[in-house]
Amino acid sequence: MEACPGCSVKEVLSEDDIELLIQEQLALEFNLVSDAEWEKRQKICRQCPFKVGATCGKCGCYYKFRSALLVKSCPVGKW
């Protein structure tokens, strides 16, 4: 379980809860990268020194969500 570092309310979510939230939100999105690009971006994020649990320490987004969006980029220019 982890608390969201970007939130003022420190909600603690399990990894399963986080994964469910991400999948629910992605189901509503239209402009997504290909599965191959998503995997490539996630690999970069998983190795990033700014990653804090499931989130990006620079922008506060869940990295699995942000990396799936065609209109978003890495806040430190890695993808």
Protein backbone atom coordinates (compact mmCIF):
# COMPACT_ATOMS: atom_id res chain seq x y z
CA MET A 1 0.00 0.00 0.00
CA GLU A 2 1.16 3.51 -0.66
CA ALA A 3 0.00 7.05 -0.09
CA CYS A 4 -0.32 9.41 -3.03
CA PRO A 5 2.62 11.85 -2.74
CA GLY A 6 0.80 14.56 -4.71
CA CYS A 7 -2.40 14.62 -2.68
CA SER A 8 -3.15 16.70 0.38
CA VAL A 9 -5.36 13.87 1.63
CA LYS A 10 -3.07 10.93 2.32
CA GLU A 11 -5.21 8.08 1.04
CA VAL A 12 -3.55 4.69 1.17
CA LEU A 13 -4.31 2.40 -1.76
CA SER A 14 -3.26 -1.15 -2.47
CA GLU A 15 -1.51 -1.98 -5.75
CA ASP A 16 -4.73 -3.68 -6.89
CA ASP A 17 -6.75 -0.52 -6.12
CA ILE A 18 -4.28 1.59 -8.10
CA GLU A 19 -4.35 -0.81 -11.05
CA LEU A 20 -8.16 -0.79 -11.07
CA LEU A 21 -8.29 3.03 -10.99
CA ILE A 22 -5.84 3.25 -13.89
CA GLN A 23 -7.73 0.68 -15.99
CA GLU A 24 -11.09 2.37 -15.31
CA GLN A 25 -9.74 5.75 -16.40
CA LEU A 26 -7.95 4.37 -19.46
CA ALA A 27 -11.24 2.82 -20.61
CA LEU A 28 -12.58 6.39 -20.93
CA GLU A 29 -9.63 7.70 -22.96
CA PHE A 30 -9.48 7.86 -26.76
CA ASN A 31 -5.96 9.03 -27.64
CA LEU A 32 -3.80 6.16 -26.42
CA VAL A 33 -0.39 5.04 -27.60
CA SER A 34 0.07 1.54 -29.03
CA ASP A 35 0.59 -1.34 -26.60
CA ALA A 36 4.23 -1.58 -27.72
CA GLU A 37 4.84 2.12 -27.07
CA TRP A 38 3.08 1.88 -23.71
CA GLU A 39 5.36 -0.98 -22.65
CA LYS A 40 8.42 0.97 -23.83
CA ARG A 41 7.39 4.05 -21.85
CA GLN A 42 6.56 2.04 -18.72
CA LYS A 43 9.96 0.35 -18.83
CA ILE A 44 11.60 3.79 -18.84
CA CYS A 45 9.38 4.94 -15.97
CA ARG A 46 10.08 1.84 -13.86
CA GLN A 47 13.82 2.60 -14.06
CA CYS A 48 13.47 6.34 -13.47
CA PRO A 49 15.00 7.79 -10.28
CA PHE A 50 11.97 10.11 -9.94
CA LYS A 51 9.49 7.19 -9.69
CA VAL A 52 7.84 7.06 -6.28
CA GLY A 53 5.91 3.80 -6.01
CA ALA A 54 3.27 3.90 -8.73
CA THR A 55 3.63 7.65 -9.33
CA CYS A 56 5.95 10.08 -11.05
CA GLY A 57 7.68 12.22 -8.47
CA LYS A 58 7.89 15.12 -10.94
CA CYS A 59 4.25 15.44 -12.04
CA GLY A 60 2.39 13.30 -9.48
CA CYS A 61 0.61 11.17 -12.11
CA TYR A 62 0.36 7.41 -11.95
CA TYR A 63 3.08 6.58 -14.46
CA LYS A 64 1.08 3.70 -16.01
CA PHE A 65 -1.72 6.16 -16.80
CA ARG A 66 0.35 9.07 -18.09
CA SER A 67 2.54 6.80 -20.22
CA ALA A 68 -0.55 5.47 -22.04
CA LEU A 69 -1.74 8.89 -23.21
CA LEU A 70 -0.76 10.01 -26.69
CA VAL A 71 -0.98 13.70 -25.77
CA LYS A 72 1.28 13.46 -22.69
CA SER A 73 5.05 13.35 -22.43
CA CYS A 74 7.53 12.56 -19.70
CA PRO A 75 8.00 15.62 -17.48
CA VAL A 76 11.79 15.15 -17.62
CA GLY A 77 11.92 14.34 -21.37
CA LYS A 78 12.68 10.61 -21.24
CA TRP A 79 9.88 9.74 -23.72
